[in-house]
Amino acid sequence: MKTFDYTVKGQSGIHARPAVKLAMESQKYKSKIMIFLDGKIADASDVMAIMEMNIKFGDIIKVEMTGADEELAYKNLRNFLLNNLPN
């Protein structure tokens, strides 16, 4: 299991478009990827689950990956969040 924290930098938080991008990126891996925020948990490959978390600007989410390619998922998802979501 690998985890990292990510502070949401986009003023609109993780709304529909970033949620779709995040889910599509998460679906590339065999590992189970989960997002945690304030007691809520979402499957990172599920757009609606991400949107239901209502992730806002400044929120700190925990991203956890478990599985055969967790190292690759960790590296690439962390990079994806830092470089591809709105700032």
PDB file of N, CA and C in Angstrom:
ATOM      1  N   MET A   1       0.851  -1.185   0.000  1.00  0.00           N
ATOM      2  CA  MET A   1       0.000   0.000   0.000  1.00  0.00           C
ATOM      3  C   MET A   1       0.889   1.239   0.000  1.00  0.00           C
ATOM      4  N   LYS A   2       0.544   2.193  -0.842  1.00  0.00           N
ATOM      5  CA  LYS A   2       1.226   3.483  -0.927  1.00  0.00           C
ATOM      6  C   LYS A   2       0.176   4.571  -0.754  1.00  0.00           C
ATOM      7  N   THR A   3       0.549   5.646  -0.087  1.00  0.00           N
ATOM      8  CA  THR A   3      -0.370   6.770   0.098  1.00  0.00           C
ATOM      9  C   THR A   3       0.379   8.092  -0.076  1.00  0.00           C
ATOM     10  N   PHE A   4      -0.382   9.115  -0.411  1.00  0.00           N
ATOM     11  CA  PHE A   4       0.143  10.473  -0.398  1.00  0.00           C
ATOM     12  C   PHE A   4      -1.011  11.437  -0.167  1.00  0.00           C
ATOM     13  N   ASP A   5      -0.674  12.615   0.307  1.00  0.00           N
ATOM     14  CA  ASP A   5      -1.657  13.677   0.502  1.00  0.00           C
ATOM     15  C   ASP A   5      -1.515  14.684  -0.632  1.00  0.00           C
ATOM     16  N   TYR A   6      -2.638  15.264  -1.016  1.00  0.00           N
ATOM     17  CA  TYR A   6      -2.648  16.269  -2.073  1.00  0.00           C
ATOM     18  C   TYR A   6      -3.560  17.408  -1.649  1.00  0.00           C
ATOM     19  N   THR A   7      -3.045  18.633  -1.695  1.00  0.00           N
ATOM     20  CA  THR A   7      -3.837  19.817  -1.396  1.00  0.00           C
ATOM     21  C   THR A   7      -4.435  20.343  -2.695  1.00  0.00           C
ATOM     22  N   VAL A   8      -5.755  20.456  -2.739  1.00  0.00           N
ATOM     23  CA  VAL A   8      -6.461  20.878  -3.948  1.00  0.00           C
ATOM     24  C   VAL A   8      -6.177  22.353  -4.205  1.00  0.00           C
ATOM     25  N   LYS A   9      -5.636  22.643  -5.387  1.00  0.00           N
ATOM     26  CA  LYS A   9      -5.216  24.002  -5.721  1.00  0.00           C
ATOM     27  C   LYS A   9      -6.184  24.725  -6.646  1.00  0.00           C
ATOM     28  N   GLY A  10      -7.024  23.995  -7.344  1.00  0.00           N
ATOM     29  CA  GLY A  10      -7.989  24.614  -8.249  1.00  0.00           C
ATOM     30  C   GLY A  10      -9.071  25.343  -7.470  1.00  0.00           C
ATOM     31  N   GLN A  11      -9.344  26.582  -7.837  1.00  0.00           N
ATOM     32  CA  GLN A  11     -10.331  27.402  -7.119  1.00  0.00           C
ATOM     33  C   GLN A  11     -11.711  26.752  -7.066  1.00  0.00           C
ATOM     34  N   SER A  12     -12.035  25.957  -8.066  1.00  0.00           N
ATOM     35  CA  SER A  12     -13.349  25.303  -8.109  1.00  0.00           C
ATOM     36  C   SER A  12     -13.333  23.922  -7.470  1.00  0.00           C
ATOM     37  N   GLY A  13     -12.196  23.526  -6.909  1.00  0.00           N
ATOM     38  CA  GLY A  13     -12.100  22.202  -6.308  1.00  0.00           C
ATOM     39  C   GLY A  13     -12.034  21.126  -7.384  1.00  0.00           C
ATOM     40  N   ILE A  14     -12.439  19.921  -7.024  1.00  0.00           N
ATOM     41  CA  ILE A  14     -12.480  18.832  -8.004  1.00  0.00           C
ATOM     42  C   ILE A  14     -13.933  18.636  -8.395  1.00  0.00           C
ATOM     43  N   HIS A  15     -14.342  19.376  -9.420  1.00  0.00           N
ATOM     44  CA  HIS A  15     -15.708  19.313  -9.949  1.00  0.00           C
ATOM     45  C   HIS A  15     -15.726  18.329 -11.117  1.00  0.00           C
ATOM     46  N   ALA A  16     -16.697  18.406 -11.979  1.00  0.00           N
ATOM     47  CA  ALA A  16     -16.916  17.398 -13.026  1.00  0.00           C
ATOM     48  C   ALA A  16     -15.701  17.141 -13.918  1.00  0.00           C
ATOM     49  N   ARG A  17     -15.170  18.167 -14.535  1.00  0.00           N
ATOM     50  CA  ARG A  17     -14.074  17.946 -15.494  1.00  0.00           C
ATOM     51  C   ARG A  17     -12.832  17.350 -14.821  1.00  0.00           C
ATOM     52  N   PRO A  18     -12.342  17.915 -13.710  1.00  0.00           N
ATOM     53  CA  PRO A  18     -11.191  17.285 -13.056  1.00  0.00           C
ATOM     54  C   PRO A  18     -11.502  15.886 -12.523  1.00  0.00           C
ATOM     55  N   ALA A  19     -12.736  15.655 -12.104  1.00  0.00           N
ATOM     56  CA  ALA A  19     -13.118  14.323 -11.613  1.00  0.00           C
ATOM     57  C   ALA A  19     -13.030  13.296 -12.736  1.00  0.00           C
ATOM     58  N   VAL A  20     -13.463  13.675 -13.925  1.00  0.00           N
ATOM     59  CA  VAL A  20     -13.370  12.771 -15.080  1.00  0.00           C
ATOM     60  C   VAL A  20     -11.904  12.481 -15.392  1.00  0.00           C
ATOM     61  N   LYS A  21     -11.076  13.511 -15.402  1.00  0.00           N
ATOM     62  CA  LYS A  21      -9.651  13.325 -15.687  1.00  0.00           C
ATOM     63  C   LYS A  21      -9.004  12.407 -14.655  1.00  0.00           C
ATOM     64  N   LEU A  22      -9.320  12.628 -13.387  1.00  0.00           N
ATOM     65  CA  LEU A  22      -8.755  11.810 -12.314  1.00  0.00           C
ATOM     66  C   LEU A  22      -9.220  10.361 -12.430  1.00  0.00           C
ATOM     67  N   ALA A  23     -10.487  10.156 -12.699  1.00  0.00           N
ATOM     68  CA  ALA A  23     -11.018   8.797 -12.842  1.00  0.00           C
ATOM     69  C   ALA A  23     -10.376   8.086 -14.032  1.00  0.00           C
ATOM     70  N   MET A  24     -10.231   8.787 -15.140  1.00  0.00           N
ATOM     71  CA  MET A  24      -9.616   8.173 -16.323  1.00  0.00           C
ATOM     72  C   MET A  24      -8.166   7.789 -16.043  1.00  0.00           C
ATOM     73  N   GLU A  25      -7.450   8.644 -15.352  1.00  0.00           N
ATOM     74  CA  GLU A  25      -6.064   8.329 -14.997  1.00  0.00           C
ATOM     75  C   GLU A  25      -6.018   7.126 -14.055  1.00  0.00           C
ATOM     76  N   SER A  26      -6.913   7.071 -13.096  1.00  0.00           N
ATOM     77  CA  SER A  26      -6.945   5.976 -12.120  1.00  0.00           C
ATOM     78  C   SER A  26      -7.278   4.638 -12.768  1.00  0.00           C
ATOM     79  N   GLN A  27      -8.066   4.670 -13.812  1.00  0.00           N
ATOM     80  CA  GLN A  27      -8.477   3.437 -14.492  1.00  0.00           C
ATOM     81  C   GLN A  27      -7.344   2.778 -15.273  1.00  0.00           C
ATOM     82  N   LYS A  28      -6.222   3.450 -15.401  1.00  0.00           N
ATOM     83  CA  LYS A  28      -5.081   2.897 -16.131  1.00  0.00           C
ATOM     84  C   LYS A  28      -4.339   1.821 -15.333  1.00  0.00           C
ATOM     85  N   TYR A  29      -4.634   1.706 -14.043  1.00  0.00           N
ATOM     86  CA  TYR A  29      -3.856   0.839 -13.164  1.00  0.00           C
ATOM     87  C   TYR A  29      -4.680  -0.328 -12.641  1.00  0.00           C
ATOM     88  N   LYS A  30      -3.993  -1.425 -12.365  1.00  0.00           N
ATOM     89  CA  LYS A  30      -4.646  -2.598 -11.792  1.00  0.00           C
ATOM     90  C   LYS A  30      -4.913  -2.400 -10.304  1.00  0.00           C
ATOM     91  N   SER A  31      -4.121  -1.557  -9.659  1.00  0.00           N
ATOM     92  CA  SER A  31      -4.270  -1.306  -8.226  1.00  0.00           C
ATOM     93  C   SER A  31      -5.614  -0.670  -7.913  1.00  0.00           C
ATOM     94  N   LYS A  32      -6.112  -0.937  -6.721  1.00  0.00           N
ATOM     95  CA  LYS A  32      -7.315  -0.281  -6.203  1.00  0.00           C
ATOM     96  C   LYS A  32      -6.867   1.079  -5.683  1.00  0.00           C
ATOM     97  N   ILE A  33      -7.468   2.142  -6.189  1.00  0.00           N
ATOM     98  CA  ILE A  33      -7.082   3.500  -5.804  1.00  0.00           C
ATOM     99  C   ILE A  33      -8.275   4.162  -5.138  1.00  0.00           C
ATOM    100  N   MET A  34      -8.045   4.623  -3.915  1.00  0.00           N
ATOM    101  CA  MET A  34      -9.110   5.215  -3.114  1.00  0.00           C
ATOM    102  C   MET A  34      -8.723   6.636  -2.715  1.00  0.00           C
ATOM    103  N   ILE A  35      -9.751   7.480  -2.541  1.00  0.00           N
ATOM    104  CA  ILE A  35      -9.572   8.858  -2.081  1.00  0.00           C
ATOM    105  C   ILE A  35     -10.291   8.997  -0.745  1.00  0.00           C
ATOM    106  N   PHE A  36      -9.633   9.646   0.207  1.00  0.00           N
ATOM    107  CA  PHE A  36     -10.193   9.856   1.539  1.00  0.00           C
ATOM    108  C   PHE A  36     -10.242  11.352   1.842  1.00  0.00           C
ATOM    109  N   LEU A  37     -11.360  11.799   2.419  1.00  0.00           N
ATOM    110  CA  LEU A  37     -11.511  13.193   2.841  1.00  0.00           C
ATOM    111  C   LEU A  37     -12.561  13.274   3.935  1.00  0.00           C
ATOM    112  N   ASP A  38     -12.165  13.740   5.095  1.00  0.00           N
ATOM    113  CA  ASP A  38     -13.104  13.985   6.200  1.00  0.00           C
ATOM    114  C   ASP A  38     -14.050  12.816   6.459  1.00  0.00           C
ATOM    115  N   GLY A  39     -13.505  11.613   6.529  1.00  0.00           N
ATOM    116  CA  GLY A  39     -14.324  10.444   6.820  1.00  0.00           C
ATOM    117  C   GLY A  39     -15.057   9.871   5.620  1.00  0.00           C
ATOM    118  N   LYS A  40     -14.960  10.530   4.469  1.00  0.00           N
ATOM    119  CA  LYS A  40     -15.586  10.020   3.244  1.00  0.00           C
ATOM    120  C   LYS A  40     -14.536   9.262   2.434  1.00  0.00           C
ATOM    121  N   ILE A  41     -15.002   8.238   1.729  1.00  0.00           N
ATOM    122  CA  ILE A  41     -14.112   7.412   0.914  1.00  0.00           C
ATOM    123  C   ILE A  41     -14.728   7.259  -0.473  1.00  0.00           C
ATOM    124  N   ALA A  42     -13.879   7.384  -1.507  1.00  0.00           N
ATOM    125  CA  ALA A  42     -14.361   7.203  -2.881  1.00  0.00           C
ATOM    126  C   ALA A  42     -13.373   6.370  -3.676  1.00  0.00           C
ATOM    127  N   ASP A  43     -13.900   5.556  -4.559  1.00  0.00           N
ATOM    128  CA  ASP A  43     -13.092   4.834  -5.531  1.00  0.00           C
ATOM    129  C   ASP A  43     -12.650   5.866  -6.572  1.00  0.00           C
ATOM    130  N   ALA A  44     -11.344   6.015  -6.751  1.00  0.00           N
ATOM    131  CA  ALA A  44     -10.824   7.048  -7.650  1.00  0.00           C
ATOM    132  C   ALA A  44     -11.138   6.791  -9.118  1.00  0.00           C
ATOM    133  N   SER A  45     -11.609   5.605  -9.449  1.00  0.00           N
ATOM    134  CA  SER A  45     -11.964   5.330 -10.840  1.00  0.00           C
ATOM    135  C   SER A  45     -13.440   5.616 -11.131  1.00  0.00           C
ATOM    136  N   ASP A  46     -14.166   6.088 -10.127  1.00  0.00           N
ATOM    137  CA  ASP A  46     -15.612   6.336 -10.237  1.00  0.00           C
ATOM    138  C   ASP A  46     -15.889   7.840 -10.189  1.00  0.00           C
ATOM    139  N   VAL A  47     -16.216   8.416 -11.334  1.00  0.00           N
ATOM    140  CA  VAL A  47     -16.436   9.868 -11.442  1.00  0.00           C
ATOM    141  C   VAL A  47     -17.484  10.352 -10.445  1.00  0.00           C
ATOM    142  N   MET A  48     -18.609   9.673 -10.377  1.00  0.00           N
ATOM    143  CA  MET A  48     -19.688  10.117  -9.486  1.00  0.00           C
ATOM    144  C   MET A  48     -19.268  10.046  -8.020  1.00  0.00           C
ATOM    145  N   ALA A  49     -18.525   9.022  -7.654  1.00  0.00           N
ATOM    146  CA  ALA A  49     -18.057   8.897  -6.270  1.00  0.00           C
ATOM    147  C   ALA A  49     -17.129  10.058  -5.919  1.00  0.00           C
ATOM    148  N   ILE A  50     -16.270  10.441  -6.854  1.00  0.00           N
ATOM    149  CA  ILE A  50     -15.374  11.581  -6.623  1.00  0.00           C
ATOM    150  C   ILE A  50     -16.192  12.857  -6.462  1.00  0.00           C
ATOM    151  N   MET A  51     -17.150  13.078  -7.355  1.00  0.00           N
ATOM    152  CA  MET A  51     -17.957  14.300  -7.297  1.00  0.00           C
ATOM    153  C   MET A  51     -18.788  14.370  -6.013  1.00  0.00           C
ATOM    154  N   GLU A  52     -19.282  13.231  -5.542  1.00  0.00           N
ATOM    155  CA  GLU A  52     -20.086  13.204  -4.317  1.00  0.00           C
ATOM    156  C   GLU A  52     -19.274  13.580  -3.081  1.00  0.00           C
ATOM    157  N   MET A  53     -17.954  13.525  -3.174  1.00  0.00           N
ATOM    158  CA  MET A  53     -17.113  13.918  -2.039  1.00  0.00           C
ATOM    159  C   MET A  53     -17.110  15.434  -1.840  1.00  0.00           C
ATOM    160  N   ASN A  54     -17.508  16.171  -2.885  1.00  0.00           N
ATOM    161  CA  ASN A  54     -17.568  17.633  -2.812  1.00  0.00           C
ATOM    162  C   ASN A  54     -16.218  18.223  -2.374  1.00  0.00           C
ATOM    163  N   ILE A  55     -15.179  17.864  -3.101  1.00  0.00           N
ATOM    164  CA  ILE A  55     -13.815  18.289  -2.779  1.00  0.00           C
ATOM    165  C   ILE A  55     -13.633  19.737  -3.209  1.00  0.00           C
ATOM    166  N   LYS A  56     -13.242  20.576  -2.253  1.00  0.00           N
ATOM    167  CA  LYS A  56     -13.140  22.016  -2.473  1.00  0.00           C
ATOM    168  C   LYS A  56     -11.684  22.490  -2.477  1.00  0.00           C
ATOM    169  N   PHE A  57     -11.498  23.715  -2.956  1.00  0.00           N
ATOM    170  CA  PHE A  57     -10.196  24.376  -2.924  1.00  0.00           C
ATOM    171  C   PHE A  57      -9.637  24.329  -1.503  1.00  0.00           C
ATOM    172  N   GLY A  58      -8.391  23.943  -1.379  1.00  0.00           N
ATOM    173  CA  GLY A  58      -7.728  23.906  -0.081  1.00  0.00           C
ATOM    174  C   GLY A  58      -7.894  22.607   0.689  1.00  0.00           C
ATOM    175  N   ASP A  59      -8.827  21.757   0.268  1.00  0.00           N
ATOM    176  CA  ASP A  59      -8.991  20.460   0.935  1.00  0.00           C
ATOM    177  C   ASP A  59      -7.724  19.628   0.736  1.00  0.00           C
ATOM    178  N   ILE A  60      -7.407  18.838   1.739  1.00  0.00           N
ATOM    179  CA  ILE A  60      -6.281  17.914   1.639  1.00  0.00           C
ATOM    180  C   ILE A  60      -6.854  16.509   1.551  1.00  0.00           C
ATOM    181  N   ILE A  61      -6.697  15.899   0.389  1.00  0.00           N
ATOM    182  CA  ILE A  61      -7.193  14.540   0.200  1.00  0.00           C
ATOM    183  C   ILE A  61      -6.036  13.558   0.385  1.00  0.00           C
ATOM    184  N   LYS A  62      -6.378  12.380   0.843  1.00  0.00           N
ATOM    185  CA  LYS A  62      -5.411  11.287   0.933  1.00  0.00           C
ATOM    186  C   LYS A  62      -5.724  10.333  -0.212  1.00  0.00           C
ATOM    187  N   VAL A  63      -4.705   9.958  -0.958  1.00  0.00           N
ATOM    188  CA  VAL A  63      -4.861   9.020  -2.065  1.00  0.00           C
ATOM    189  C   VAL A  63      -4.097   7.753  -1.690  1.00  0.00           C
ATOM    190  N   GLU A  64      -4.792   6.629  -1.782  1.00  0.00           N
ATOM    191  CA  GLU A  64      -4.203   5.345  -1.379  1.00  0.00           C
ATOM    192  C   GLU A  64      -4.324   4.358  -2.528  1.00  0.00           C
ATOM    193  N   MET A  65      -3.236   3.674  -2.823  1.00  0.00           N
ATOM    194  CA  MET A  65      -3.270   2.659  -3.862  1.00  0.00           C
ATOM    195  C   MET A  65      -2.709   1.354  -3.319  1.00  0.00           C
ATOM    196  N   THR A  66      -3.407   0.266  -3.653  1.00  0.00           N
ATOM    197  CA  THR A  66      -3.015  -1.062  -3.201  1.00  0.00           C
ATOM    198  C   THR A  66      -3.137  -2.025  -4.372  1.00  0.00           C
ATOM    199  N   GLY A  67      -2.051  -2.715  -4.675  1.00  0.00           N
ATOM    200  CA  GLY A  67      -2.128  -3.698  -5.750  1.00  0.00           C
ATOM    201  C   GLY A  67      -0.794  -3.922  -6.433  1.00  0.00           C
ATOM    202  N   ALA A  68      -0.846  -4.696  -7.484  1.00  0.00           N
ATOM    203  CA  ALA A  68       0.353  -5.142  -8.189  1.00  0.00           C
ATOM    204  C   ALA A  68       1.192  -3.992  -8.743  1.00  0.00           C
ATOM    205  N   ASP A  69       0.557  -2.927  -9.183  1.00  0.00           N
ATOM    206  CA  ASP A  69       1.295  -1.808  -9.786  1.00  0.00           C
ATOM    207  C   ASP A  69       1.197  -0.534  -8.943  1.00  0.00           C
ATOM    208  N   GLU A  70       1.120  -0.711  -7.620  1.00  0.00           N
ATOM    209  CA  GLU A  70       0.938   0.451  -6.738  1.00  0.00           C
ATOM    210  C   GLU A  70       2.088   1.444  -6.824  1.00  0.00           C
ATOM    211  N   GLU A  71       3.313   0.977  -7.030  1.00  0.00           N
ATOM    212  CA  GLU A  71       4.455   1.897  -7.147  1.00  0.00           C
ATOM    213  C   GLU A  71       4.294   2.800  -8.371  1.00  0.00           C
ATOM    214  N   LEU A  72       3.933   2.200  -9.489  1.00  0.00           N
ATOM    215  CA  LEU A  72       3.717   2.964 -10.718  1.00  0.00           C
ATOM    216  C   LEU A  72       2.524   3.905 -10.562  1.00  0.00           C
ATOM    217  N   ALA A  73       1.448   3.409  -9.985  1.00  0.00           N
ATOM    218  CA  ALA A  73       0.261   4.237  -9.761  1.00  0.00           C
ATOM    219  C   ALA A  73       0.596   5.408  -8.850  1.00  0.00           C
ATOM    220  N   TYR A  74       1.356   5.159  -7.794  1.00  0.00           N
ATOM    221  CA  TYR A  74       1.762   6.214  -6.858  1.00  0.00           C
ATOM    222  C   TYR A  74       2.515   7.311  -7.605  1.00  0.00           C
ATOM    223  N   LYS A  75       3.536   6.914  -8.326  1.00  0.00           N
ATOM    224  CA  LYS A  75       4.374   7.882  -9.044  1.00  0.00           C
ATOM    225  C   LYS A  75       3.553   8.686 -10.056  1.00  0.00           C
ATOM    226  N   ASN A  76       2.784   7.984 -10.872  1.00  0.00           N
ATOM    227  CA  ASN A  76       2.065   8.656 -11.953  1.00  0.00           C
ATOM    228  C   ASN A  76       0.866   9.469 -11.473  1.00  0.00           C
ATOM    229  N   LEU A  77       0.120   8.969 -10.500  1.00  0.00           N
ATOM    230  CA  LEU A  77      -1.036   9.733  -9.999  1.00  0.00           C
ATOM    231  C   LEU A  77      -0.594  10.981  -9.246  1.00  0.00           C
ATOM    232  N   ARG A  78       0.462  10.844  -8.472  1.00  0.00           N
ATOM    233  CA  ARG A  78       0.985  12.011  -7.751  1.00  0.00           C
ATOM    234  C   ARG A  78       1.403  13.084  -8.760  1.00  0.00           C
ATOM    235  N   ASN A  79       2.143  12.676  -9.773  1.00  0.00           N
ATOM    236  CA  ASN A  79       2.560  13.595 -10.830  1.00  0.00           C
ATOM    237  C   ASN A  79       1.349  14.181 -11.554  1.00  0.00           C
ATOM    238  N   PHE A  80       0.368  13.340 -11.849  1.00  0.00           N
ATOM    239  CA  PHE A  80      -0.845  13.791 -12.530  1.00  0.00           C
ATOM    240  C   PHE A  80      -1.552  14.882 -11.723  1.00  0.00           C
ATOM    241  N   LEU A  81      -1.755  14.642 -10.431  1.00  0.00           N
ATOM    242  CA  LEU A  81      -2.456  15.624  -9.597  1.00  0.00           C
ATOM    243  C   LEU A  81      -1.677  16.930  -9.502  1.00  0.00           C
ATOM    244  N   LEU A  82      -0.368  16.838  -9.386  1.00  0.00           N
ATOM    245  CA  LEU A  82       0.446  18.044  -9.256  1.00  0.00           C
ATOM    246  C   LEU A  82       0.507  18.861 -10.544  1.00  0.00           C
ATOM    247  N   ASN A  83       0.395  18.194 -11.688  1.00  0.00           N
ATOM    248  CA  ASN A  83       0.636  18.881 -12.957  1.00  0.00           C
ATOM    249  C   ASN A  83      -0.550  19.010 -13.905  1.00  0.00           C
ATOM    250  N   ASN A  84      -1.642  18.293 -13.659  1.00  0.00           N
ATOM    251  CA  ASN A  84      -2.722  18.274 -14.643  1.00  0.00           C
ATOM    252  C   ASN A  84      -4.076  18.765 -14.157  1.00  0.00           C
ATOM    253  N   LEU A  85      -4.224  19.000 -12.877  1.00  0.00           N
ATOM    254  CA  LEU A  85      -5.492  19.554 -12.403  1.00  0.00           C
ATOM    255  C   LEU A  85      -5.368  21.065 -12.331  1.00  0.00           C
ATOM    256  N   PRO A  86      -6.484  21.777 -12.396  1.00  0.00           N
ATOM    257  CA  PRO A  86      -6.431  23.250 -12.385  1.00  0.00           C
ATOM    258  C   PRO A  86      -5.697  23.789 -11.164  1.00  0.00           C
ATOM    259  N   ASN A  87      -4.949  24.852 -11.387  1.00  0.00           N
ATOM    260  CA  ASN A  87      -4.239  25.526 -10.285  1.00  0.00           C
ATOM    261  C   ASN A  87      -4.850  26.875 -10.021  1.00  0.00           C
TER     262      ASN A  87
END
